Full PDB file with SEQRES, HELIX, SHEET, SSBOND, CRYST1, ORIGX, SCALE, CONECT and MASTER records, all heavy atoms in Angstrom:
SEQRES   1 A   30  GLU ILE ARG LEU VAL PHE LEU GLN THR PHE GLY THR THR          
SEQRES   2 A   30  TRP CYS MET ASP ASP ASP MET SER MET VAL TYR TYR TYR          
SEQRES   3 A   30  THR GLU ASP ILE                                              
HELIX    1 AA1 ILE A    2  PHE A   10  1                                   9    
CRYST1    1.000    1.000    1.000  90.00  90.00  90.00 P 1           1          
ORIGX1      1.000000  0.000000  0.000000        0.00000                         
ORIGX2      0.000000  1.000000  0.000000        0.00000                         
ORIGX3      0.000000  0.000000  1.000000        0.00000                         
SCALE1      1.000000  0.000000  0.000000        0.00000                         
SCALE2      0.000000  1.000000  0.000000        0.00000                         
SCALE3      0.000000  0.000000  1.000000        0.00000                         
ATOM      1  N   GLU A   1      24.024  13.055 -19.277  1.00  0.00           N  
ATOM      2  CA  GLU A   1      25.298  12.590 -19.823  1.00  0.00           C  
ATOM      3  C   GLU A   1      25.194  12.337 -21.302  1.00  0.00           C  
ATOM      4  O   GLU A   1      26.042  12.552 -22.118  1.00  0.00           O  
ATOM      5  CB  GLU A   1      25.746  11.406 -19.021  1.00  0.00           C  
ATOM      6  CG  GLU A   1      27.122  11.008 -19.340  1.00  0.00           C  
ATOM      7  CD  GLU A   1      28.155  12.081 -18.912  1.00  0.00           C  
ATOM      8  OE1 GLU A   1      27.944  12.875 -17.933  1.00  0.00           O  
ATOM      9  OE2 GLU A   1      29.377  12.035 -19.404  1.00  0.00           O  
ATOM     10  N   ILE A   2      24.043  11.692 -21.734  1.00  0.00           N  
ATOM     11  CA  ILE A   2      23.861  11.378 -23.176  1.00  0.00           C  
ATOM     12  C   ILE A   2      23.817  12.653 -23.928  1.00  0.00           C  
ATOM     13  O   ILE A   2      24.415  12.741 -25.045  1.00  0.00           O  
ATOM     14  CB  ILE A   2      22.490  10.650 -23.336  1.00  0.00           C  
ATOM     15  CG1 ILE A   2      22.668   9.186 -22.782  1.00  0.00           C  
ATOM     16  CG2 ILE A   2      22.129  10.467 -24.810  1.00  0.00           C  
ATOM     17  CD1 ILE A   2      21.317   8.331 -22.799  1.00  0.00           C  
ATOM     18  N   ARG A   3      23.165  13.721 -23.411  1.00  0.00           N  
ATOM     19  CA  ARG A   3      23.047  15.027 -24.092  1.00  0.00           C  
ATOM     20  C   ARG A   3      24.431  15.550 -24.286  1.00  0.00           C  
ATOM     21  O   ARG A   3      24.773  16.100 -25.355  1.00  0.00           O  
ATOM     22  CB  ARG A   3      22.181  15.907 -23.309  1.00  0.00           C  
ATOM     23  CG  ARG A   3      21.900  17.246 -24.023  1.00  0.00           C  
ATOM     24  CD  ARG A   3      20.838  17.988 -23.286  1.00  0.00           C  
ATOM     25  NE  ARG A   3      19.537  17.489 -23.327  1.00  0.00           N  
ATOM     26  CZ  ARG A   3      18.821  17.006 -22.320  1.00  0.00           C  
ATOM     27  NH1 ARG A   3      19.339  17.060 -21.108  1.00  0.00           N  
ATOM     28  NH2 ARG A   3      17.637  16.594 -22.445  1.00  0.00           N  
ATOM     29  N   LEU A   4      25.277  15.452 -23.214  1.00  0.00           N  
ATOM     30  CA  LEU A   4      26.643  16.045 -23.310  1.00  0.00           C  
ATOM     31  C   LEU A   4      27.510  15.246 -24.323  1.00  0.00           C  
ATOM     32  O   LEU A   4      28.235  15.901 -25.168  1.00  0.00           O  
ATOM     33  CB  LEU A   4      27.319  15.916 -21.975  1.00  0.00           C  
ATOM     34  CG  LEU A   4      28.722  16.431 -21.826  1.00  0.00           C  
ATOM     35  CD1 LEU A   4      28.969  17.839 -22.194  1.00  0.00           C  
ATOM     36  CD2 LEU A   4      29.329  16.077 -20.433  1.00  0.00           C  
ATOM     37  N   VAL A   5      27.351  13.966 -24.269  1.00  0.00           N  
ATOM     38  CA  VAL A   5      28.148  13.101 -25.250  1.00  0.00           C  
ATOM     39  C   VAL A   5      27.654  13.359 -26.686  1.00  0.00           C  
ATOM     40  O   VAL A   5      28.539  13.402 -27.688  1.00  0.00           O  
ATOM     41  CB  VAL A   5      28.037  11.665 -24.887  1.00  0.00           C  
ATOM     42  CG1 VAL A   5      28.587  10.732 -26.042  1.00  0.00           C  
ATOM     43  CG2 VAL A   5      28.668  11.341 -23.574  1.00  0.00           C  
ATOM     44  N   PHE A   6      26.366  13.619 -26.993  1.00  0.00           N  
ATOM     45  CA  PHE A   6      25.900  13.910 -28.243  1.00  0.00           C  
ATOM     46  C   PHE A   6      26.486  15.230 -28.756  1.00  0.00           C  
ATOM     47  O   PHE A   6      26.942  15.255 -29.978  1.00  0.00           O  
ATOM     48  CB  PHE A   6      24.364  14.115 -28.152  1.00  0.00           C  
ATOM     49  CG  PHE A   6      23.743  14.475 -29.439  1.00  0.00           C  
ATOM     50  CD1 PHE A   6      23.213  13.612 -30.413  1.00  0.00           C  
ATOM     51  CD2 PHE A   6      23.660  15.869 -29.892  1.00  0.00           C  
ATOM     52  CE1 PHE A   6      22.652  13.935 -31.574  1.00  0.00           C  
ATOM     53  CE2 PHE A   6      23.115  16.201 -31.045  1.00  0.00           C  
ATOM     54  CZ  PHE A   6      22.618  15.199 -31.873  1.00  0.00           C  
ATOM     55  N   LEU A   7      26.675  16.266 -27.892  1.00  0.00           N  
ATOM     56  CA  LEU A   7      27.289  17.477 -28.406  1.00  0.00           C  
ATOM     57  C   LEU A   7      28.713  17.312 -28.535  1.00  0.00           C  
ATOM     58  O   LEU A   7      29.225  17.915 -29.552  1.00  0.00           O  
ATOM     59  CB  LEU A   7      27.031  18.487 -27.272  1.00  0.00           C  
ATOM     60  CG  LEU A   7      25.580  19.051 -27.082  1.00  0.00           C  
ATOM     61  CD1 LEU A   7      25.425  19.889 -25.831  1.00  0.00           C  
ATOM     62  CD2 LEU A   7      25.093  19.726 -28.370  1.00  0.00           C  
ATOM     63  N   GLN A   8      29.438  16.448 -27.872  1.00  0.00           N  
ATOM     64  CA  GLN A   8      30.798  16.256 -28.063  1.00  0.00           C  
ATOM     65  C   GLN A   8      31.048  15.375 -29.185  1.00  0.00           C  
ATOM     66  O   GLN A   8      32.160  15.439 -29.919  1.00  0.00           O  
ATOM     67  CB  GLN A   8      31.415  15.372 -26.873  1.00  0.00           C  
ATOM     68  CG  GLN A   8      31.622  16.194 -25.527  1.00  0.00           C  
ATOM     69  CD  GLN A   8      32.236  15.370 -24.483  1.00  0.00           C  
ATOM     70  OE1 GLN A   8      31.528  14.885 -23.605  1.00  0.00           O  
ATOM     71  NE2 GLN A   8      33.548  15.268 -24.506  1.00  0.00           N  
ATOM     72  N   THR A   9      29.992  14.624 -29.771  1.00  0.00           N  
ATOM     73  CA  THR A   9      30.138  13.765 -30.853  1.00  0.00           C  
ATOM     74  C   THR A   9      29.776  14.373 -32.213  1.00  0.00           C  
ATOM     75  O   THR A   9      30.488  14.318 -33.252  1.00  0.00           O  
ATOM     76  CB  THR A   9      29.380  12.463 -30.750  1.00  0.00           C  
ATOM     77  OG1 THR A   9      29.634  11.908 -29.550  1.00  0.00           O  
ATOM     78  CG2 THR A   9      29.519  11.503 -31.937  1.00  0.00           C  
ATOM     79  N   PHE A  10      28.768  15.232 -32.154  1.00  0.00           N  
ATOM     80  CA  PHE A  10      28.158  15.803 -33.383  1.00  0.00           C  
ATOM     81  C   PHE A  10      28.238  17.320 -33.422  1.00  0.00           C  
ATOM     82  O   PHE A  10      27.921  17.959 -34.467  1.00  0.00           O  
ATOM     83  CB  PHE A  10      26.662  15.343 -33.567  1.00  0.00           C  
ATOM     84  CG  PHE A  10      26.596  13.830 -33.528  1.00  0.00           C  
ATOM     85  CD1 PHE A  10      26.031  13.154 -32.519  1.00  0.00           C  
ATOM     86  CD2 PHE A  10      26.921  13.098 -34.785  1.00  0.00           C  
ATOM     87  CE1 PHE A  10      25.853  11.806 -32.591  1.00  0.00           C  
ATOM     88  CE2 PHE A  10      26.713  11.755 -34.804  1.00  0.00           C  
ATOM     89  CZ  PHE A  10      26.262  11.105 -33.680  1.00  0.00           C  
ATOM     90  N   GLY A  11      28.645  17.961 -32.351  1.00  0.00           N  
ATOM     91  CA  GLY A  11      28.687  19.432 -32.372  1.00  0.00           C  
ATOM     92  C   GLY A  11      27.416  20.145 -31.947  1.00  0.00           C  
ATOM     93  O   GLY A  11      26.409  19.464 -31.606  1.00  0.00           O  
ATOM     94  N   THR A  12      27.427  21.372 -32.025  1.00  0.00           N  
ATOM     95  CA  THR A  12      26.228  22.247 -31.689  1.00  0.00           C  
ATOM     96  C   THR A  12      25.044  21.814 -32.469  1.00  0.00           C  
ATOM     97  O   THR A  12      25.125  21.582 -33.797  1.00  0.00           O  
ATOM     98  CB  THR A  12      26.534  23.637 -31.701  1.00  0.00           C  
ATOM     99  OG1 THR A  12      25.426  24.463 -31.377  1.00  0.00           O  
ATOM    100  CG2 THR A  12      27.039  24.134 -33.175  1.00  0.00           C  
ATOM    101  N   THR A  13      23.847  21.952 -31.880  1.00  0.00           N  
ATOM    102  CA  THR A  13      22.622  21.714 -32.557  1.00  0.00           C  
ATOM    103  C   THR A  13      22.052  22.997 -33.251  1.00  0.00           C  
ATOM    104  O   THR A  13      21.098  22.905 -33.948  1.00  0.00           O  
ATOM    105  CB  THR A  13      21.547  21.230 -31.626  1.00  0.00           C  
ATOM    106  OG1 THR A  13      21.369  22.297 -30.567  1.00  0.00           O  
ATOM    107  CG2 THR A  13      22.073  19.946 -30.922  1.00  0.00           C  
ATOM    108  N   TRP A  14      22.657  24.071 -33.034  1.00  0.00           N  
ATOM    109  CA  TRP A  14      22.229  25.377 -33.610  1.00  0.00           C  
ATOM    110  C   TRP A  14      22.151  25.336 -35.168  1.00  0.00           C  
ATOM    111  O   TRP A  14      21.252  25.995 -35.751  1.00  0.00           O  
ATOM    112  CB  TRP A  14      23.060  26.555 -33.133  1.00  0.00           C  
ATOM    113  CG  TRP A  14      22.743  26.941 -31.693  1.00  0.00           C  
ATOM    114  CD1 TRP A  14      23.145  26.317 -30.695  1.00  0.00           C  
ATOM    115  CD2 TRP A  14      21.918  28.038 -31.286  1.00  0.00           C  
ATOM    116  NE1 TRP A  14      22.691  26.875 -29.484  1.00  0.00           N  
ATOM    117  CE2 TRP A  14      21.874  27.997 -29.904  1.00  0.00           C  
ATOM    118  CE3 TRP A  14      21.155  29.025 -31.898  1.00  0.00           C  
ATOM    119  CZ2 TRP A  14      21.159  28.915 -29.117  1.00  0.00           C  
ATOM    120  CZ3 TRP A  14      20.502  29.918 -31.206  1.00  0.00           C  
ATOM    121  CH2 TRP A  14      20.458  29.889 -29.807  1.00  0.00           C  
ATOM    122  N   CYS A  15      23.013  24.623 -35.725  1.00  0.00           N  
ATOM    123  CA  CYS A  15      23.041  24.506 -37.222  1.00  0.00           C  
ATOM    124  C   CYS A  15      22.311  23.403 -37.744  1.00  0.00           C  
ATOM    125  O   CYS A  15      22.382  23.108 -39.000  1.00  0.00           O  
ATOM    126  CB  CYS A  15      24.458  24.607 -37.745  1.00  0.00           C  
ATOM    127  SG  CYS A  15      25.549  23.357 -37.141  1.00  0.00           S  
ATOM    128  N   MET A  16      21.672  22.548 -36.882  1.00  0.00           N  
ATOM    129  CA  MET A  16      21.024  21.275 -37.288  1.00  0.00           C  
ATOM    130  C   MET A  16      19.500  21.688 -37.656  1.00  0.00           C  
ATOM    131  O   MET A  16      18.957  22.650 -37.077  1.00  0.00           O  
ATOM    132  CB  MET A  16      21.045  20.302 -36.204  1.00  0.00           C  
ATOM    133  CG  MET A  16      22.362  19.720 -35.896  1.00  0.00           C  
ATOM    134  SD  MET A  16      22.360  18.422 -34.682  1.00  0.00           S  
ATOM    135  CE  MET A  16      24.167  18.008 -34.423  1.00  0.00           C  
ATOM    136  N   ASP A  17      18.888  20.871 -38.457  1.00  0.00           N  
ATOM    137  CA  ASP A  17      17.473  21.021 -38.746  1.00  0.00           C  
ATOM    138  C   ASP A  17      16.713  20.707 -37.454  1.00  0.00           C  
ATOM    139  O   ASP A  17      16.987  19.860 -36.744  1.00  0.00           O  
ATOM    140  CB  ASP A  17      17.046  20.030 -39.780  1.00  0.00           C  
ATOM    141  CG  ASP A  17      17.600  20.322 -41.209  1.00  0.00           C  
ATOM    142  OD1 ASP A  17      17.668  21.537 -41.491  1.00  0.00           O  
ATOM    143  OD2 ASP A  17      17.962  19.364 -41.925  1.00  0.00           O  
ATOM    144  N   ASP A  18      15.692  21.588 -37.189  1.00  0.00           N  
ATOM    145  CA  ASP A  18      14.959  21.373 -36.039  1.00  0.00           C  
ATOM    146  C   ASP A  18      14.015  20.248 -35.933  1.00  0.00           C  
ATOM    147  O   ASP A  18      13.470  19.940 -34.891  1.00  0.00           O  
ATOM    148  CB  ASP A  18      14.097  22.666 -35.698  1.00  0.00           C  
ATOM    149  CG  ASP A  18      13.118  22.983 -36.804  1.00  0.00           C  
ATOM    150  OD1 ASP A  18      12.899  22.079 -37.655  1.00  0.00           O  
ATOM    151  OD2 ASP A  18      12.578  24.062 -36.734  1.00  0.00           O  
ATOM    152  N   ASP A  19      13.983  19.432 -37.028  1.00  0.00           N  
ATOM    153  CA  ASP A  19      13.267  18.135 -36.951  1.00  0.00           C  
ATOM    154  C   ASP A  19      14.294  16.951 -37.173  1.00  0.00           C  
ATOM    155  O   ASP A  19      13.828  15.860 -37.547  1.00  0.00           O  
ATOM    156  CB  ASP A  19      12.087  18.054 -38.103  1.00  0.00           C  
ATOM    157  CG  ASP A  19      12.649  18.359 -39.435  1.00  0.00           C  
ATOM    158  OD1 ASP A  19      13.897  18.802 -39.635  1.00  0.00           O  
ATOM    159  OD2 ASP A  19      11.937  18.154 -40.454  1.00  0.00           O  
ATOM    160  N   MET A  20      15.495  17.174 -36.783  1.00  0.00           N  
ATOM    161  CA  MET A  20      16.471  16.080 -36.759  1.00  0.00           C  
ATOM    162  C   MET A  20      16.097  15.028 -35.815  1.00  0.00           C  
ATOM    163  O   MET A  20      15.562  15.369 -34.667  1.00  0.00           O  
ATOM    164  CB  MET A  20      17.844  16.676 -36.501  1.00  0.00           C  
ATOM    165  CG  MET A  20      19.021  15.561 -36.457  1.00  0.00           C  
ATOM    166  SD  MET A  20      19.080  14.295 -35.110  1.00  0.00           S  
ATOM    167  CE  MET A  20      19.351  15.349 -33.699  1.00  0.00           C  
ATOM    168  N   SER A  21      16.237  13.801 -36.160  1.00  0.00           N  
ATOM    169  CA  SER A  21      16.015  12.663 -35.189  1.00  0.00           C  
ATOM    170  C   SER A  21      16.802  11.516 -35.509  1.00  0.00           C  
ATOM    171  O   SER A  21      17.178  11.229 -36.659  1.00  0.00           O  
ATOM    172  CB  SER A  21      14.433  12.297 -35.204  1.00  0.00           C  
ATOM    173  OG  SER A  21      14.070  11.684 -36.445  1.00  0.00           O  
ATOM    174  N   MET A  22      16.982  10.648 -34.541  1.00  0.00           N  
ATOM    175  CA  MET A  22      17.783   9.451 -34.672  1.00  0.00           C  
ATOM    176  C   MET A  22      17.303   8.448 -33.597  1.00  0.00           C  
ATOM    177  O   MET A  22      17.115   8.885 -32.421  1.00  0.00           O  
ATOM    178  CB  MET A  22      19.286   9.622 -34.583  1.00  0.00           C  
ATOM    179  CG  MET A  22      19.746  10.431 -33.393  1.00  0.00           C  
ATOM    180  SD  MET A  22      21.393  11.065 -33.459  1.00  0.00           S  
ATOM    181  CE  MET A  22      22.392   9.784 -33.993  1.00  0.00           C  
ATOM    182  N   VAL A  23      17.080   7.235 -33.927  1.00  0.00           N  
ATOM    183  CA  VAL A  23      16.683   6.256 -33.004  1.00  0.00           C  
ATOM    184  C   VAL A  23      17.352   4.940 -33.220  1.00  0.00           C  
ATOM    185  O   VAL A  23      17.646   4.567 -34.350  1.00  0.00           O  
ATOM    186  CB  VAL A  23      15.139   5.998 -33.079  1.00  0.00           C  
ATOM    187  CG1 VAL A  23      14.686   5.611 -34.489  1.00  0.00           C  
ATOM    188  CG2 VAL A  23      14.651   5.011 -31.997  1.00  0.00           C  
ATOM    189  N   TYR A  24      17.737   4.289 -32.044  1.00  0.00           N  
ATOM    190  CA  TYR A  24      18.493   3.020 -32.149  1.00  0.00           C  
ATOM    191  C   TYR A  24      17.664   1.951 -31.470  1.00  0.00           C  
ATOM    192  O   TYR A  24      17.267   2.114 -30.256  1.00  0.00           O  
ATOM    193  CB  TYR A  24      19.903   3.169 -31.503  1.00  0.00           C  
ATOM    194  CG  TYR A  24      20.803   1.991 -31.926  1.00  0.00           C  
ATOM    195  CD1 TYR A  24      21.691   2.296 -33.028  1.00  0.00           C  
ATOM    196  CD2 TYR A  24      20.835   0.845 -31.281  1.00  0.00           C  
ATOM    197  CE1 TYR A  24      22.596   1.283 -33.398  1.00  0.00           C  
ATOM    198  CE2 TYR A  24      21.671  -0.217 -31.622  1.00  0.00           C  
ATOM    199  CZ  TYR A  24      22.569   0.023 -32.747  1.00  0.00           C  
ATOM    200  OH  TYR A  24      23.486  -0.904 -33.040  1.00  0.00           O  
ATOM    201  N   TYR A  25      17.416   0.844 -32.180  1.00  0.00           N  
ATOM    202  CA  TYR A  25      16.722  -0.299 -31.670  1.00  0.00           C  
ATOM    203  C   TYR A  25      17.746  -1.363 -31.238  1.00  0.00           C  
ATOM    204  O   TYR A  25      18.220  -1.968 -32.106  1.00  0.00           O  
ATOM    205  CB  TYR A  25      15.678  -0.810 -32.601  1.00  0.00           C  
ATOM    206  CG  TYR A  25      14.577   0.113 -33.001  1.00  0.00           C  
ATOM    207  CD1 TYR A  25      14.772   0.984 -34.050  1.00  0.00           C  
ATOM    208  CD2 TYR A  25      13.419   0.203 -32.269  1.00  0.00           C  
ATOM    209  CE1 TYR A  25      13.819   1.892 -34.392  1.00  0.00           C  
ATOM    210  CE2 TYR A  25      12.385   1.229 -32.619  1.00  0.00           C  
ATOM    211  CZ  TYR A  25      12.644   2.034 -33.605  1.00  0.00           C  
ATOM    212  OH  TYR A  25      11.636   2.858 -34.016  1.00  0.00           O  
ATOM    213  N   TYR A  26      17.935  -1.519 -30.023  1.00  0.00           N  
ATOM    214  CA  TYR A  26      18.870  -2.530 -29.441  1.00  0.00           C  
ATOM    215  C   TYR A  26      18.199  -3.974 -29.605  1.00  0.00           C  
ATOM    216  O   TYR A  26      18.861  -4.898 -29.878  1.00  0.00           O  
ATOM    217  CB  TYR A  26      19.374  -2.193 -28.083  1.00  0.00           C  
ATOM    218  CG  TYR A  26      19.986  -0.940 -27.898  1.00  0.00           C  
ATOM    219  CD1 TYR A  26      19.203   0.174 -27.577  1.00  0.00           C  
ATOM    220  CD2 TYR A  26      21.343  -0.762 -27.908  1.00  0.00           C  
ATOM    221  CE1 TYR A  26      19.856   1.498 -27.522  1.00  0.00           C  
ATOM    222  CE2 TYR A  26      22.016   0.454 -27.825  1.00  0.00           C  
ATOM    223  CZ  TYR A  26      21.168   1.540 -27.593  1.00  0.00           C  
ATOM    224  OH  TYR A  26      21.828   2.762 -27.449  1.00  0.00           O  
ATOM    225  N   THR A  27      17.024  -3.967 -29.214  1.00  0.00           N  
ATOM    226  CA  THR A  27      16.096  -5.202 -29.286  1.00  0.00           C  
ATOM    227  C   THR A  27      14.739  -4.715 -29.731  1.00  0.00           C  
ATOM    228  O   THR A  27      14.497  -3.487 -29.969  1.00  0.00           O  
ATOM    229  CB  THR A  27      15.957  -5.969 -27.918  1.00  0.00           C  
ATOM    230  OG1 THR A  27      15.334  -5.151 -27.010  1.00  0.00           O  
ATOM    231  CG2 THR A  27      17.376  -6.260 -27.330  1.00  0.00           C  
ATOM    232  N   GLU A  28      13.839  -5.675 -29.875  1.00  0.00           N  
ATOM    233  CA  GLU A  28      12.461  -5.214 -30.315  1.00  0.00           C  
ATOM    234  C   GLU A  28      11.808  -4.302 -29.362  1.00  0.00           C  
ATOM    235  O   GLU A  28      11.080  -3.341 -29.798  1.00  0.00           O  
ATOM    236  CB  GLU A  28      11.628  -6.488 -30.414  1.00  0.00           C  
ATOM    237  CG  GLU A  28      11.884  -7.410 -31.583  1.00  0.00           C  
ATOM    238  CD  GLU A  28      10.991  -8.498 -31.756  1.00  0.00           C  
ATOM    239  OE1 GLU A  28       9.989  -8.549 -31.006  1.00  0.00           O  
ATOM    240  OE2 GLU A  28      11.056  -9.293 -32.659  1.00  0.00           O  
ATOM    241  N   ASP A  29      12.083  -4.291 -28.009  1.00  0.00           N  
ATOM    242  CA  ASP A  29      11.456  -3.453 -27.107  1.00  0.00           C  
ATOM    243  C   ASP A  29      12.384  -2.525 -26.320  1.00  0.00           C  
ATOM    244  O   ASP A  29      11.935  -1.864 -25.317  1.00  0.00           O  
ATOM    245  CB  ASP A  29      10.588  -4.294 -26.051  1.00  0.00           C  
ATOM    246  CG  ASP A  29      11.321  -5.474 -25.508  1.00  0.00           C  
ATOM    247  OD1 ASP A  29      12.466  -5.659 -25.760  1.00  0.00           O  
ATOM    248  OD2 ASP A  29      10.695  -6.082 -24.666  1.00  0.00           O  
ATOM    249  N   ILE A  30      13.671  -2.536 -26.616  1.00  0.00           N  
ATOM    250  CA  ILE A  30      14.625  -1.591 -26.048  1.00  0.00           C  
ATOM    251  C   ILE A  30      15.221  -0.557 -27.117  1.00  0.00           C  
ATOM    252  O   ILE A  30      15.787  -1.028 -28.062  1.00  0.00           O  
ATOM    253  CB  ILE A  30      15.881  -2.283 -25.412  1.00  0.00           C  
ATOM    254  CG1 ILE A  30      15.386  -3.193 -24.283  1.00  0.00           C  
ATOM    255  CG2 ILE A  30      16.902  -1.322 -24.875  1.00  0.00           C  
ATOM    256  CD1 ILE A  30      14.903  -2.566 -23.092  1.00  0.00           C  
TER     257      ILE A  30                                                      
MASTER        0    0    0    1    0    0    0    6  256    1    0    3          
END                                                                             
């Protein structure tokens, strides 16, 4: 479901850099 929502939010990955990354820290260990 996260993968589907990602595509709905940001569009296809075909035109993205293959080293794209994003990380969210909710707490120190989550």
